[in-house]
C-alpha atoms as a PDB file:
ATOM      1  CA  UNK A   1     -20.748 -11.655   0.475  1.00  0.00           C
ATOM      2  CA  UNK A   2     -17.950 -13.008  -1.831  1.00  0.00           C
ATOM      3  CA  UNK A   3     -14.413 -13.804  -0.514  1.00  0.00           C
ATOM      4  CA  UNK A   4     -13.397 -13.342  -3.901  1.00  0.00           C
ATOM      5  CA  UNK A   5     -13.161 -10.124  -6.141  1.00  0.00           C
ATOM      6  CA  UNK A   6     -14.263 -10.029  -9.893  1.00  0.00           C
ATOM      7  CA  UNK A   7     -11.168  -7.537 -10.160  1.00  0.00           C
ATOM      8  CA  UNK A   8      -9.473  -4.603  -8.127  1.00  0.00           C
ATOM      9  CA  UNK A   9     -12.439  -2.097  -9.088  1.00  0.00           C
ATOM     10  CA  UNK A  10     -15.061  -4.479  -7.949  1.00  0.00           C
ATOM     11  CA  UNK A  11     -12.776  -4.436  -4.536  1.00  0.00           C
ATOM     12  CA  UNK A  12     -12.773  -0.837  -4.396  1.00  0.00           C
ATOM     13  CA  UNK A  13     -16.247  -0.576  -4.607  1.00  0.00           C
ATOM     14  CA  UNK A  14     -17.084  -2.955  -1.785  1.00  0.00           C
ATOM     15  CA  UNK A  15     -14.715  -1.477   0.254  1.00  0.00           C
ATOM     16  CA  UNK A  16     -16.318   1.827  -0.288  1.00  0.00           C
ATOM     17  CA  UNK A  17     -19.564   0.521   0.906  1.00  0.00           C
ATOM     18  CA  UNK A  18     -18.096   0.258   4.335  1.00  0.00           C
ATOM     19  CA  UNK A  19     -15.950   3.530   4.305  1.00  0.00           C
ATOM     20  CA  UNK A  20     -19.519   5.891   4.060  1.00  0.00           C
ATOM     21  CA  UNK A  21     -18.306   7.943   7.407  1.00  0.00           C
ATOM     22  CA  UNK A  22     -15.667   9.609   5.024  1.00  0.00           C
ATOM     23  CA  UNK A  23     -18.251  10.326   2.288  1.00  0.00           C
ATOM     24  CA  UNK A  24     -17.952  13.661   0.867  1.00  0.00           C
ATOM     25  CA  UNK A  25     -15.547  14.622   4.168  1.00  0.00           C
ATOM     26  CA  UNK A  26     -13.633  18.208   3.347  1.00  0.00           C
ATOM     27  CA  UNK A  27     -10.645  16.818   5.326  1.00  0.00           C
ATOM     28  CA  UNK A  28      -9.981  13.784   3.696  1.00  0.00           C
ATOM     29  CA  UNK A  29      -8.196  12.429   0.781  1.00  0.00           C
ATOM     30  CA  UNK A  30      -7.803   9.057  -0.656  1.00  0.00           C
ATOM     31  CA  UNK A  31      -4.160   7.685  -1.859  1.00  0.00           C
ATOM     32  CA  UNK A  32      -3.479   4.484  -3.726  1.00  0.00           C
ATOM     33  CA  UNK A  33      -0.310   2.491  -2.973  1.00  0.00           C
ATOM     34  CA  UNK A  34       0.995   2.114  -6.639  1.00  0.00           C
ATOM     35  CA  UNK A  35       0.406   0.488  -8.756  1.00  0.00           C
ATOM     36  CA  UNK A  36      -1.892  -2.430  -7.202  1.00  0.00           C
ATOM     37  CA  UNK A  37      -3.456  -0.227  -4.802  1.00  0.00           C
ATOM     38  CA  UNK A  38      -4.039   2.797  -7.629  1.00  0.00           C
ATOM     39  CA  UNK A  39      -7.650   1.244  -9.221  1.00  0.00           C
ATOM     40  CA  UNK A  40      -8.681  -0.019  -5.784  1.00  0.00           C
ATOM     41  CA  UNK A  41      -8.523   3.263  -4.426  1.00  0.00           C
ATOM     42  CA  UNK A  42      -9.702   4.991  -7.742  1.00  0.00           C
ATOM     43  CA  UNK A  43     -12.967   3.149  -7.109  1.00  0.00           C
ATOM     44  CA  UNK A  44     -13.202   4.221  -3.300  1.00  0.00           C
ATOM     45  CA  UNK A  45     -12.775   7.957  -4.066  1.00  0.00           C
ATOM     46  CA  UNK A  46     -14.878   7.829  -6.937  1.00  0.00           C
ATOM     47  CA  UNK A  47     -17.801   6.197  -4.324  1.00  0.00           C
ATOM     48  CA  UNK A  48     -17.024   8.564  -1.607  1.00  0.00           C
ATOM     49  CA  UNK A  49     -16.602  11.632  -3.581  1.00  0.00           C
ATOM     50  CA  UNK A  50     -13.047  12.150  -2.277  1.00  0.00           C
ATOM     51  CA  UNK A  51      -9.833  13.420  -4.053  1.00  0.00           C
ATOM     52  CA  UNK A  52      -7.513  10.679  -5.087  1.00  0.00           C
ATOM     53  CA  UNK A  53      -3.987  10.674  -5.182  1.00  0.00           C
ATOM     54  CA  UNK A  54      -1.016   8.251  -4.829  1.00  0.00           C
ATOM     55  CA  UNK A  55       1.636   7.390  -2.679  1.00  0.00           C
ATOM     56  CA  UNK A  56       5.076   5.555  -3.943  1.00  0.00           C
ATOM     57  CA  UNK A  57       6.287   2.283  -2.461  1.00  0.00           C
ATOM     58  CA  UNK A  58       8.584  -0.331  -3.379  1.00  0.00           C
ATOM     59  CA  UNK A  59       8.789  -3.768  -0.803  1.00  0.00           C
ATOM     60  CA  UNK A  60      12.037  -5.116   0.195  1.00  0.00           C
ATOM     61  CA  UNK A  61      12.103  -8.633  -0.968  1.00  0.00           C
ATOM     62  CA  UNK A  62      14.698 -11.287   0.876  1.00  0.00           C
ATOM     63  CA  UNK A  63      16.502 -12.677  -2.321  1.00  0.00           C
ATOM     64  CA  UNK A  64      15.262 -16.009  -3.437  1.00  0.00           C
ATOM     65  CA  UNK A  65      11.777 -15.611  -1.607  1.00  0.00           C
ATOM     66  CA  UNK A  66      10.983 -12.338  -3.105  1.00  0.00           C
ATOM     67  CA  UNK A  67       7.316 -12.090  -1.679  1.00  0.00           C
ATOM     68  CA  UNK A  68       8.532 -11.980   1.971  1.00  0.00           C
ATOM     69  CA  UNK A  69       9.530  -8.742   2.766  1.00  0.00           C
ATOM     70  CA  UNK A  70      11.912  -7.519   5.270  1.00  0.00           C
ATOM     71  CA  UNK A  71      11.188  -4.085   5.076  1.00  0.00           C
ATOM     72  CA  UNK A  72       9.786  -1.463   2.286  1.00  0.00           C
ATOM     73  CA  UNK A  73      10.314   1.782   1.215  1.00  0.00           C
ATOM     74  CA  UNK A  74       8.187   4.840   0.550  1.00  0.00           C
ATOM     75  CA  UNK A  75       8.158   8.202  -0.924  1.00  0.00           C
ATOM     76  CA  UNK A  76       7.481  11.432   1.213  1.00  0.00           C
ATOM     77  CA  UNK A  77       7.574  14.812   1.251  1.00  0.00           C
ATOM     78  CA  UNK A  78      11.092  14.990  -1.138  1.00  0.00           C
ATOM     79  CA  UNK A  79      12.700  12.237   0.980  1.00  0.00           C
ATOM     80  CA  UNK A  80      12.627   8.297   1.340  1.00  0.00           C
ATOM     81  CA  UNK A  81      10.894   6.883   4.465  1.00  0.00           C
ATOM     82  CA  UNK A  82      12.765   3.174   4.859  1.00  0.00           C
ATOM     83  CA  UNK A  83      11.038   0.857   7.022  1.00  0.00           C
ATOM     84  CA  UNK A  84      13.105  -2.411   7.818  1.00  0.00           C
ATOM     85  CA  UNK A  85      11.511  -5.843   9.884  1.00  0.00           C
ATOM     86  CA  UNK A  86      14.702  -6.221  12.053  1.00  0.00           C
ATOM     87  CA  UNK A  87      14.256  -9.315  13.690  1.00  0.00           C
ATOM     88  CA  UNK A  88      13.168 -10.937  10.331  1.00  0.00           C
ATOM     89  CA  UNK A  89      16.609  -9.641   8.904  1.00  0.00           C
ATOM     90  CA  UNK A  90      18.294 -11.127  11.778  1.00  0.00           C
ATOM     91  CA  UNK A  91      16.649 -14.455  10.990  1.00  0.00           C
ATOM     92  CA  UNK A  92      17.415 -14.363   7.530  1.00  0.00           C
ATOM     93  CA  UNK A  93      21.087 -13.838   8.155  1.00  0.00           C
ATOM     94  CA  UNK A  94      21.551 -16.154  10.467  1.00  0.00           C
ATOM     95  CA  UNK A  95      20.026 -18.476   7.805  1.00  0.00           C
ATOM     96  CA  UNK A  96      22.841 -17.889   5.126  1.00  0.00           C
ATOM     97  CA  UNK A  97      21.563 -14.659   3.234  1.00  0.00           C
ATOM     98  CA  UNK A  98      24.243 -11.987   3.077  1.00  0.00           C
ATOM     99  CA  UNK A  99      23.519  -8.102   3.744  1.00  0.00           C
ATOM    100  CA  UNK A 100      25.172  -7.312   0.580  1.00  0.00           C
ATOM    101  CA  UNK A 101      22.698  -8.965  -1.243  1.00  0.00           C
ATOM    102  CA  UNK A 102      19.917  -7.067   1.106  1.00  0.00           C
ATOM    103  CA  UNK A 103      22.191  -3.915   0.376  1.00  0.00           C
ATOM    104  CA  UNK A 104      21.810  -4.423  -3.065  1.00  0.00           C
ATOM    105  CA  UNK A 105      17.948  -5.149  -3.077  1.00  0.00           C
ATOM    106  CA  UNK A 106      17.297  -1.578  -1.676  1.00  0.00           C
ATOM    107  CA  UNK A 107      19.792   0.031  -3.817  1.00  0.00           C
ATOM    108  CA  UNK A 108      17.502  -1.559  -6.408  1.00  0.00           C
ATOM    109  CA  UNK A 109      14.146  -0.783  -5.318  1.00  0.00           C
ATOM    110  CA  UNK A 110      15.517   2.764  -4.121  1.00  0.00           C
ATOM    111  CA  UNK A 111      16.265   3.961  -7.615  1.00  0.00           C
ATOM    112  CA  UNK A 112      12.743   2.296  -8.807  1.00  0.00           C
ATOM    113  CA  UNK A 113      11.277   4.415  -6.353  1.00  0.00           C
ATOM    114  CA  UNK A 114      13.237   7.534  -7.480  1.00  0.00           C
ATOM    115  CA  UNK A 115      12.434   6.670 -10.853  1.00  0.00           C
ATOM    116  CA  UNK A 116       8.938   6.579 -10.428  1.00  0.00           C
ATOM    117  CA  UNK A 117       9.167   9.708  -8.464  1.00  0.00           C
ATOM    118  CA  UNK A 118       9.764  11.635 -11.696  1.00  0.00           C
ATOM    119  CA  UNK A 119       6.757   9.767 -13.660  1.00  0.00           C
ATOM    120  CA  UNK A 120       3.616  10.169 -11.610  1.00  0.00           C
ATOM    121  CA  UNK A 121       1.794  12.985 -11.683  1.00  0.00           C
ATOM    122  CA  UNK A 122      -0.303  12.696  -8.409  1.00  0.00           C
ATOM    123  CA  UNK A 123       2.336  12.272  -5.378  1.00  0.00           C
ATOM    124  CA  UNK A 124       3.214  15.490  -3.978  1.00  0.00           C
ATOM    125  CA  UNK A 125      -0.111  16.535  -1.450  1.00  0.00           C
ATOM    126  CA  UNK A 126      -0.537  18.847   1.386  1.00  0.00           C
ATOM    127  CA  UNK A 127      -1.736  16.505   4.287  1.00  0.00           C
ATOM    128  CA  UNK A 128      -1.646  18.505   6.651  1.00  0.00           C
ATOM    129  CA  UNK A 129      -4.616  18.109   9.215  1.00  0.00           C
ATOM    130  CA  UNK A 130      -6.022  15.580   6.839  1.00  0.00           C
ATOM    131  CA  UNK A 131      -7.296  12.026   7.267  1.00  0.00           C
ATOM    132  CA  UNK A 132      -5.881   9.954   4.745  1.00  0.00           C
ATOM    133  CA  UNK A 133      -7.008   7.168   3.399  1.00  0.00           C
ATOM    134  CA  UNK A 134      -4.377   4.769   2.307  1.00  0.00           C
ATOM    135  CA  UNK A 135      -5.411   2.112  -0.153  1.00  0.00           C
ATOM    136  CA  UNK A 136      -4.062  -1.053  -1.421  1.00  0.00           C
ATOM    137  CA  UNK A 137      -4.995  -4.168  -3.165  1.00  0.00           C
ATOM    138  CA  UNK A 138      -4.036  -6.705  -0.231  1.00  0.00           C
ATOM    139  CA  UNK A 139      -2.053  -6.878   2.714  1.00  0.00           C
ATOM    140  CA  UNK A 140       0.531  -9.598   2.647  1.00  0.00           C
ATOM    141  CA  UNK A 141       2.954  -8.788   4.844  1.00  0.00           C
ATOM    142  CA  UNK A 142       2.087  -5.528   5.453  1.00  0.00           C
ATOM    143  CA  UNK A 143       5.013  -3.796   4.859  1.00  0.00           C
ATOM    144  CA  UNK A 144       4.609  -1.725   2.127  1.00  0.00           C
ATOM    145  CA  UNK A 145       1.246  -0.278   3.805  1.00  0.00           C
ATOM    146  CA  UNK A 146       3.502   0.342   7.223  1.00  0.00           C
ATOM    147  CA  UNK A 147       6.330   2.445   4.987  1.00  0.00           C
ATOM    148  CA  UNK A 148       2.969   4.481   3.642  1.00  0.00           C
ATOM    149  CA  UNK A 149       1.600   5.084   6.780  1.00  0.00           C
ATOM    150  CA  UNK A 150       4.829   6.552   7.845  1.00  0.00           C
ATOM    151  CA  UNK A 151       4.853   8.467   5.094  1.00  0.00           C
ATOM    152  CA  UNK A 152       1.507   9.855   5.689  1.00  0.00           C
ATOM    153  CA  UNK A 153       2.424  10.889   9.182  1.00  0.00           C
ATOM    154  CA  UNK A 154       5.651  12.349   7.904  1.00  0.00           C
ATOM    155  CA  UNK A 155       3.195  14.459   5.242  1.00  0.00           C
ATOM    156  CA  UNK A 156       1.433  15.787   8.412  1.00  0.00           C
ATOM    157  CA  UNK A 157      -1.444  13.635   8.324  1.00  0.00           C
ATOM    158  CA  UNK A 158      -3.669  14.201  11.522  1.00  0.00           C
ATOM    159  CA  UNK A 159      -5.492  10.355  11.013  1.00  0.00           C
ATOM    160  CA  UNK A 160      -4.358   7.715   8.652  1.00  0.00           C
ATOM    161  CA  UNK A 161      -6.971   4.712   8.423  1.00  0.00           C
ATOM    162  CA  UNK A 162      -5.525   1.773   6.109  1.00  0.00           C
ATOM    163  CA  UNK A 163      -8.312  -0.547   3.743  1.00  0.00           C
ATOM    164  CA  UNK A 164      -7.450  -3.526   1.710  1.00  0.00           C
ATOM    165  CA  UNK A 165      -9.788  -5.915   0.268  1.00  0.00           C
ATOM    166  CA  UNK A 166      -7.672  -8.855   1.855  1.00  0.00           C
ATOM    167  CA  UNK A 167      -5.015  -9.393   4.272  1.00  0.00           C
ATOM    168  CA  UNK A 168      -3.378 -11.811   6.211  1.00  0.00           C
ATOM    169  CA  UNK A 169      -3.766 -11.686  10.062  1.00  0.00           C
ATOM    170  CA  UNK A 170      -0.530 -11.290  10.743  1.00  0.00           C
ATOM    171  CA  UNK A 171      -0.456  -8.184   8.511  1.00  0.00           C
ATOM    172  CA  UNK A 172      -3.425  -6.604   9.856  1.00  0.00           C
ATOM    173  CA  UNK A 173      -2.172  -6.695  12.869  1.00  0.00           C
ATOM    174  CA  UNK A 174       1.168  -5.089  12.104  1.00  0.00           C
ATOM    175  CA  UNK A 175      -0.702  -2.330  10.181  1.00  0.00           C
ATOM    176  CA  UNK A 176      -3.177  -1.543  12.865  1.00  0.00           C
ATOM    177  CA  UNK A 177       0.145  -0.986  15.394  1.00  0.00           C
ATOM    178  CA  UNK A 178       0.905   1.831  13.333  1.00  0.00           C
ATOM    179  CA  UNK A 179      -2.224   3.855  11.902  1.00  0.00           C
ATOM    180  CA  UNK A 180      -5.592   4.896  13.525  1.00  0.00           C
ATOM    181  CA  UNK A 181      -7.754   2.412  12.026  1.00  0.00           C
ATOM    182  CA  UNK A 182      -7.341  -0.373   9.721  1.00  0.00           C
ATOM    183  CA  UNK A 183      -9.821  -2.304   7.180  1.00  0.00           C
ATOM    184  CA  UNK A 184      -9.843  -5.667   5.606  1.00  0.00           C
ATOM    185  CA  UNK A 185     -12.908  -6.916   4.197  1.00  0.00           C
ATOM    186  CA  UNK A 186     -11.685 -10.623   4.508  1.00  0.00           C
ATOM    187  CA  UNK A 187      -8.630 -12.112   6.422  1.00  0.00           C
ATOM    188  CA  UNK A 188      -8.765 -15.768   5.515  1.00  0.00           C
ATOM    189  CA  UNK A 189      -7.358 -18.239   7.486  1.00  0.00           C
ATOM    190  CA  UNK A 190      -4.606 -19.551   5.123  1.00  0.00           C
ATOM    191  CA  UNK A 191      -3.461 -16.453   3.547  1.00  0.00           C
ATOM    192  CA  UNK A 192      -2.356 -17.436   0.025  1.00  0.00           C
ATOM    193  CA  UNK A 193      -0.840 -14.670  -2.634  1.00  0.00           C
ATOM    194  CA  UNK A 194      -2.997 -11.617  -3.059  1.00  0.00           C
ATOM    195  CA  UNK A 195      -3.856 -12.429  -6.676  1.00  0.00           C
ATOM    196  CA  UNK A 196      -5.644 -15.729  -5.509  1.00  0.00           C
ATOM    197  CA  UNK A 197      -8.260 -13.471  -3.876  1.00  0.00           C
ATOM    198  CA  UNK A 198      -8.917 -12.229  -7.529  1.00  0.00           C
ATOM    199  CA  UNK A 199     -10.753 -13.652 -10.491  1.00  0.00           C
ATOM    200  CA  UNK A 200      -8.664 -10.943 -12.788  1.00  0.00           C
ATOM    201  CA  UNK A 201      -5.475  -9.507 -11.031  1.00  0.00           C
ATOM    202  CA  UNK A 202      -3.460  -8.560 -14.104  1.00  0.00           C
ATOM    203  CA  UNK A 203      -0.059  -6.879 -13.423  1.00  0.00           C
ATOM    204  CA  UNK A 204      -0.223  -2.682 -13.817  1.00  0.00           C
ATOM    205  CA  UNK A 205       2.138  -0.692 -16.220  1.00  0.00           C
ATOM    206  CA  UNK A 206       2.878   2.764 -15.039  1.00  0.00           C
ATOM    207  CA  UNK A 207       0.796   4.022 -17.819  1.00  0.00           C
ATOM    208  CA  UNK A 208      -2.315   1.956 -16.321  1.00  0.00           C
ATOM    209  CA  UNK A 209      -1.833   3.443 -12.973  1.00  0.00           C
ATOM    210  CA  UNK A 210      -1.696   6.647 -14.293  1.00  0.00           C
ATOM    211  CA  UNK A 211      -4.445   6.965 -16.638  1.00  0.00           C
ATOM    212  CA  UNK A 212      -6.561   5.836 -13.518  1.00  0.00           C
ATOM    213  CA  UNK A 213      -4.849   9.146 -11.339  1.00  0.00           C
ATOM    214  CA  UNK A 214      -5.612  11.305 -14.124  1.00  0.00           C
ATOM    215  CA  UNK A 215      -9.241  10.175 -14.363  1.00  0.00           C
END
């Protein structure tokens, strides 16, 4: 199997091929992490004949190193779930990053999360007793997926499975510690940006993501 995906739909179809145990299960639902995980999740849900929804998440990136997350926010049951990597926060504070800079990042990302809550139609789900398949387009640090897992748990999910086409070894381990199962099709020894494992990896707008959910 090629370790590079044509696009997010191709990645989702490949994920679905190894998630067939969930096909047509009445207790299962697929939730894509908005925005990038939604097209992947849509392909999974279509192939497995499962309902599709979204979970809203926002990464908390270190100022000046935005791709490195010191935490993440997720929306669940009318509240914001906040997950922080406190050891990493301590290290960056020791190296000159100010607490007020981190506070500003969280304030900005919380505002964006709440804006999306008013925009996305498919984020309110009764997860009580359900098996939730959380799908993203890649696991770089695992921060947003871990926040999504916490959101699903707080929503009453009985079992949470995290799935992504590609991820770092460290991210997979971090996610595995908080969910019932984790699946990554490709775990490269040297992880680059998620987009480097796709031939086409365009940035998605809210309209793109919502269109996928509507379909």
